[in-house]
PDB file of N, CA and C in Angstrom:
ATOM      1  N   MET A   1       1.145 174.980 180.066  1.00  0.00           N
ATOM      2  CA  MET A   1       1.714 174.089 181.068  1.00  0.00           C
ATOM      3  C   MET A   1       0.584 173.228 181.641  1.00  0.00           C
ATOM      4  N   SER A   2       0.850 171.957 181.780  1.00  0.00           N
ATOM      5  CA  SER A   2      -0.173 171.038 182.266  1.00  0.00           C
ATOM      6  C   SER A   2      -0.310 171.138 183.781  1.00  0.00           C
ATOM      7  N   LEU A   3      -1.400 170.587 184.280  1.00  0.00           N
ATOM      8  CA  LEU A   3      -1.660 170.587 185.725  1.00  0.00           C
ATOM      9  C   LEU A   3      -0.566 169.824 186.465  1.00  0.00           C
ATOM     10  N   TYR A   4      -0.112 168.734 185.891  1.00  0.00           N
ATOM     11  CA  TYR A   4       0.955 167.959 186.515  1.00  0.00           C
ATOM     12  C   TYR A   4       2.218 168.797 186.684  1.00  0.00           C
ATOM     13  N   GLU A   5       2.592 169.541 185.657  1.00  0.00           N
ATOM     14  CA  GLU A   5       3.792 170.372 185.732  1.00  0.00           C
ATOM     15  C   GLU A   5       3.627 171.499 186.743  1.00  0.00           C
ATOM     16  N   GLN A   6       2.437 172.060 186.833  1.00  0.00           N
ATOM     17  CA  GLN A   6       2.178 173.111 187.815  1.00  0.00           C
ATOM     18  C   GLN A   6       2.276 172.574 189.239  1.00  0.00           C
ATOM     19  N   LEU A   7       1.656 171.418 189.470  1.00  0.00           N
ATOM     20  CA  LEU A   7       1.717 170.819 190.805  1.00  0.00           C
ATOM     21  C   LEU A   7       3.133 170.390 191.162  1.00  0.00           C
ATOM     22  N   ARG A   8       3.877 169.899 190.185  1.00  0.00           N
ATOM     23  CA  ARG A   8       5.253 169.491 190.449  1.00  0.00           C
ATOM     24  C   ARG A   8       6.118 170.708 190.771  1.00  0.00           C
ATOM     25  N   HIS A   9       5.926 171.795 190.059  1.00  0.00           N
ATOM     26  CA  HIS A   9       6.676 173.017 190.349  1.00  0.00           C
ATOM     27  C   HIS A   9       6.341 173.529 191.754  1.00  0.00           C
ATOM     28  N   PHE A  10       5.064 173.495 192.124  1.00  0.00           N
ATOM     29  CA  PHE A  10       4.649 173.921 193.468  1.00  0.00           C
ATOM     30  C   PHE A  10       5.281 173.030 194.539  1.00  0.00           C
ATOM     31  N   ALA A  11       5.270 171.722 194.321  1.00  0.00           N
ATOM     32  CA  ALA A  11       5.830 170.796 195.299  1.00  0.00           C
ATOM     33  C   ALA A  11       7.344 170.950 195.407  1.00  0.00           C
ATOM     34  N   ASP A  12       8.002 171.276 194.306  1.00  0.00           N
ATOM     35  CA  ASP A  12       9.455 171.423 194.320  1.00  0.00           C
ATOM     36  C   ASP A  12       9.909 172.734 194.933  1.00  0.00           C
ATOM     37  N   SER A  13       9.030 173.709 195.043  1.00  0.00           N
ATOM     38  CA  SER A  13       9.478 175.006 195.530  1.00  0.00           C
ATOM     39  C   SER A  13       8.769 175.393 196.826  1.00  0.00           C
ATOM     40  N   TYR A  14       7.554 175.870 196.733  1.00  0.00           N
ATOM     41  CA  TYR A  14       6.860 176.434 197.889  1.00  0.00           C
ATOM     42  C   TYR A  14       6.464 175.384 198.918  1.00  0.00           C
ATOM     43  N   ALA A  15       6.004 174.242 198.478  1.00  0.00           N
ATOM     44  CA  ALA A  15       5.593 173.204 199.416  1.00  0.00           C
ATOM     45  C   ALA A  15       6.800 172.663 200.180  1.00  0.00           C
ATOM     46  N   LEU A  16       7.938 172.566 199.514  1.00  0.00           N
ATOM     47  CA  LEU A  16       9.151 172.103 200.182  1.00  0.00           C
ATOM     48  C   LEU A  16       9.566 173.071 201.284  1.00  0.00           C
ATOM     49  N   VAL A  17       9.490 174.353 201.003  1.00  0.00           N
ATOM     50  CA  VAL A  17       9.828 175.364 202.013  1.00  0.00           C
ATOM     51  C   VAL A  17       8.832 175.308 203.164  1.00  0.00           C
ATOM     52  N   ALA A  18       7.549 175.173 202.870  1.00  0.00           N
ATOM     53  CA  ALA A  18       6.525 175.116 203.916  1.00  0.00           C
ATOM     54  C   ALA A  18       6.718 173.890 204.801  1.00  0.00           C
ATOM     55  N   ILE A  19       6.992 172.748 204.215  1.00  0.00           N
ATOM     56  CA  ILE A  19       7.195 171.534 204.994  1.00  0.00           C
ATOM     57  C   ILE A  19       8.442 171.666 205.859  1.00  0.00           C
ATOM     58  N   PHE A  20       9.498 172.290 205.346  1.00  0.00           N
ATOM     59  CA  PHE A  20      10.717 172.478 206.117  1.00  0.00           C
ATOM     60  C   PHE A  20      10.476 173.411 207.299  1.00  0.00           C
ATOM     61  N   VAL A  21       9.702 174.470 207.100  1.00  0.00           N
ATOM     62  CA  VAL A  21       9.379 175.394 208.188  1.00  0.00           C
ATOM     63  C   VAL A  21       8.535 174.691 209.248  1.00  0.00           C
ATOM     64  N   ILE A  22       7.569 173.896 208.828  1.00  0.00           N
ATOM     65  CA  ILE A  22       6.751 173.134 209.782  1.00  0.00           C
ATOM     66  C   ILE A  22       7.617 172.142 210.549  1.00  0.00           C
ATOM     67  N   PHE A  23       8.547 171.490 209.871  1.00  0.00           N
ATOM     68  CA  PHE A  23       9.448 170.549 210.522  1.00  0.00           C
ATOM     69  C   PHE A  23      10.295 171.248 211.589  1.00  0.00           C
ATOM     70  N   LEU A  24      10.848 172.400 211.259  1.00  0.00           N
ATOM     71  CA  LEU A  24      11.652 173.139 212.235  1.00  0.00           C
ATOM     72  C   LEU A  24      10.806 173.581 213.426  1.00  0.00           C
ATOM     73  N   GLY A  25       9.584 174.005 213.167  1.00  0.00           N
ATOM     74  CA  GLY A  25       8.695 174.405 214.257  1.00  0.00           C
ATOM     75  C   GLY A  25       8.363 173.249 215.178  1.00  0.00           C
ATOM     76  N   LEU A  26       8.101 172.085 214.615  1.00  0.00           N
ATOM     77  CA  LEU A  26       7.796 170.912 215.434  1.00  0.00           C
ATOM     78  C   LEU A  26       9.020 170.436 216.221  1.00  0.00           C
ATOM     79  N   CYS A  27      10.196 170.580 215.645  1.00  0.00           N
ATOM     80  CA  CYS A  27      11.414 170.201 216.373  1.00  0.00           C
ATOM     81  C   CYS A  27      11.697 171.158 217.522  1.00  0.00           C
ATOM     82  N   ALA A  28      11.356 172.420 217.361  1.00  0.00           N
ATOM     83  CA  ALA A  28      11.624 173.422 218.396  1.00  0.00           C
ATOM     84  C   ALA A  28      10.518 173.475 219.449  1.00  0.00           C
ATOM     85  N   TRP A  29       9.362 172.921 219.166  1.00  0.00           N
ATOM     86  CA  TRP A  29       8.202 173.026 220.058  1.00  0.00           C
ATOM     87  C   TRP A  29       8.483 172.554 221.489  1.00  0.00           C
ATOM     88  N   PRO A  30       9.135 171.425 221.729  1.00  0.00           N
ATOM     89  CA  PRO A  30       9.369 170.989 223.113  1.00  0.00           C
ATOM     90  C   PRO A  30      10.341 171.875 223.882  1.00  0.00           C
ATOM     91  N   PHE A  31      11.106 172.697 223.191  1.00  0.00           N
ATOM     92  CA  PHE A  31      12.121 173.523 223.843  1.00  0.00           C
ATOM     93  C   PHE A  31      11.654 174.942 224.121  1.00  0.00           C
ATOM     94  N   ARG A  32      10.388 175.231 223.894  1.00  0.00           N
ATOM     95  CA  ARG A  32       9.890 176.578 224.170  1.00  0.00           C
ATOM     96  C   ARG A  32       9.865 176.800 225.678  1.00  0.00           C
ATOM     97  N   PRO A  33       9.918 178.055 226.119  1.00  0.00           N
ATOM     98  CA  PRO A  33      10.029 178.334 227.548  1.00  0.00           C
ATOM     99  C   PRO A  33       8.884 177.782 228.402  1.00  0.00           C
ATOM    100  N   GLY A  34       7.663 177.795 227.928  1.00  0.00           N
ATOM    101  CA  GLY A  34       6.538 177.357 228.737  1.00  0.00           C
ATOM    102  C   GLY A  34       6.308 175.865 228.760  1.00  0.00           C
ATOM    103  N   ALA A  35       7.161 175.092 228.119  1.00  0.00           N
ATOM    104  CA  ALA A  35       6.930 173.655 227.995  1.00  0.00           C
ATOM    105  C   ALA A  35       7.580 172.836 229.093  1.00  0.00           C
ATOM    106  N   ARG A  36       8.327 173.453 229.960  1.00  0.00           N
ATOM    107  CA  ARG A  36       9.075 172.700 230.966  1.00  0.00           C
ATOM    108  C   ARG A  36       8.151 171.868 231.858  1.00  0.00           C
ATOM    109  N   THR A  37       7.080 172.461 232.356  1.00  0.00           N
ATOM    110  CA  THR A  37       6.186 171.702 233.244  1.00  0.00           C
ATOM    111  C   THR A  37       5.444 170.610 232.486  1.00  0.00           C
ATOM    112  N   HIS A  38       5.040 170.901 231.254  1.00  0.00           N
ATOM    113  CA  HIS A  38       4.345 169.878 230.461  1.00  0.00           C
ATOM    114  C   HIS A  38       5.275 168.703 230.169  1.00  0.00           C
ATOM    115  N   ASN A  39       6.523 168.996 229.835  1.00  0.00           N
ATOM    116  CA  ASN A  39       7.478 167.924 229.562  1.00  0.00           C
ATOM    117  C   ASN A  39       7.756 167.106 230.818  1.00  0.00           C
ATOM    118  N   HIS A  40       7.876 167.755 231.944  1.00  0.00           N
ATOM    119  CA  HIS A  40       8.131 167.049 233.200  1.00  0.00           C
ATOM    120  C   HIS A  40       6.940 166.157 233.556  1.00  0.00           C
ATOM    121  N   ASN A  41       5.724 166.685 233.413  1.00  0.00           N
ATOM    122  CA  ASN A  41       4.533 165.883 233.709  1.00  0.00           C
ATOM    123  C   ASN A  41       4.414 164.687 232.775  1.00  0.00           C
ATOM    124  N   ALA A  42       4.723 164.886 231.507  1.00  0.00           N
ATOM    125  CA  ALA A  42       4.640 163.780 230.548  1.00  0.00           C
ATOM    126  C   ALA A  42       5.692 162.719 230.843  1.00  0.00           C
ATOM    127  N   ALA A  43       6.880 163.152 231.232  1.00  0.00           N
ATOM    128  CA  ALA A  43       7.958 162.201 231.501  1.00  0.00           C
ATOM    129  C   ALA A  43       7.689 161.381 232.757  1.00  0.00           C
ATOM    130  N   HIS A  44       6.988 161.958 233.723  1.00  0.00           N
ATOM    131  CA  HIS A  44       6.753 161.261 234.985  1.00  0.00           C
ATOM    132  C   HIS A  44       5.342 160.672 235.109  1.00  0.00           C
ATOM    133  N   SER A  45       4.537 160.793 234.066  1.00  0.00           N
ATOM    134  CA  SER A  45       3.163 160.302 234.141  1.00  0.00           C
ATOM    135  C   SER A  45       3.093 158.781 234.244  1.00  0.00           C
ATOM    136  N   ILE A  46       4.101 158.082 233.731  1.00  0.00           N
ATOM    137  CA  ILE A  46       4.063 156.617 233.799  1.00  0.00           C
ATOM    138  C   ILE A  46       4.304 156.119 235.217  1.00  0.00           C
ATOM    139  N   PHE A  47       4.846 156.964 236.098  1.00  0.00           N
ATOM    140  CA  PHE A  47       5.113 156.567 237.466  1.00  0.00           C
ATOM    141  C   PHE A  47       3.996 156.967 238.418  1.00  0.00           C
ATOM    142  N   LYS A  48       2.969 157.629 237.910  1.00  0.00           N
ATOM    143  CA  LYS A  48       1.865 158.073 238.754  1.00  0.00           C
ATOM    144  C   LYS A  48       1.096 156.858 239.270  1.00  0.00           C
ATOM    145  N   ASP A  49       0.716 156.903 240.518  1.00  0.00           N
ATOM    146  CA  ASP A  49      -0.049 155.822 241.169  1.00  0.00           C
ATOM    147  C   ASP A  49       0.694 154.496 241.177  1.00  0.00           C
ATOM    148  N   GLN A  50       1.994 154.544 241.258  1.00  0.00           N
ATOM    149  CA  GLN A  50       2.778 153.315 241.306  1.00  0.00           C
ATOM    150  C   GLN A  50       3.275 153.128 242.737  1.00  0.00           C
ATOM    151  N   ASP A  51       3.187 151.930 243.236  1.00  0.00           N
ATOM    152  CA  ASP A  51       3.560 151.672 244.623  1.00  0.00           C
ATOM    153  C   ASP A  51       4.928 150.998 244.740  1.00  0.00           C
ATOM    154  N   ASP A  52       5.753 151.078 243.743  1.00  0.00           N
ATOM    155  CA  ASP A  52       7.116 150.554 243.758  1.00  0.00           C
ATOM    156  C   ASP A  52       7.175 149.055 244.062  1.00  0.00           C
ATOM    157  N   GLY A  53       6.213 148.306 243.596  1.00  0.00           N
ATOM    158  CA  GLY A  53       6.216 146.855 243.733  1.00  0.00           C
ATOM    159  C   GLY A  53       5.804 146.311 245.070  1.00  0.00           C
ATOM    160  N   GLU A  54       5.293 147.130 245.919  1.00  0.00           N
ATOM    161  CA  GLU A  54       4.877 146.662 247.249  1.00  0.00           C
ATOM    162  C   GLU A  54       3.426 146.298 247.269  1.00  0.00           C
TER     163      GLU A  54
END
C-alpha cells in the first residue's frame, strides 16, 4: 500500500473522528459551568469606560 493510500485511509477514519470530537468540545466549551463569568465579562467588555455619549 502506498503512502498516499495510508494517509487517505487515516484521514477517512481516525482523523475524521478526532476532528469531530474536537469540534464537539469547542462547541460545548462556552457552556461549561465555570464559563459564566468569563462570558459575561467578554460580552460587556465593549461597554467598559463608556460614558454613554456625554
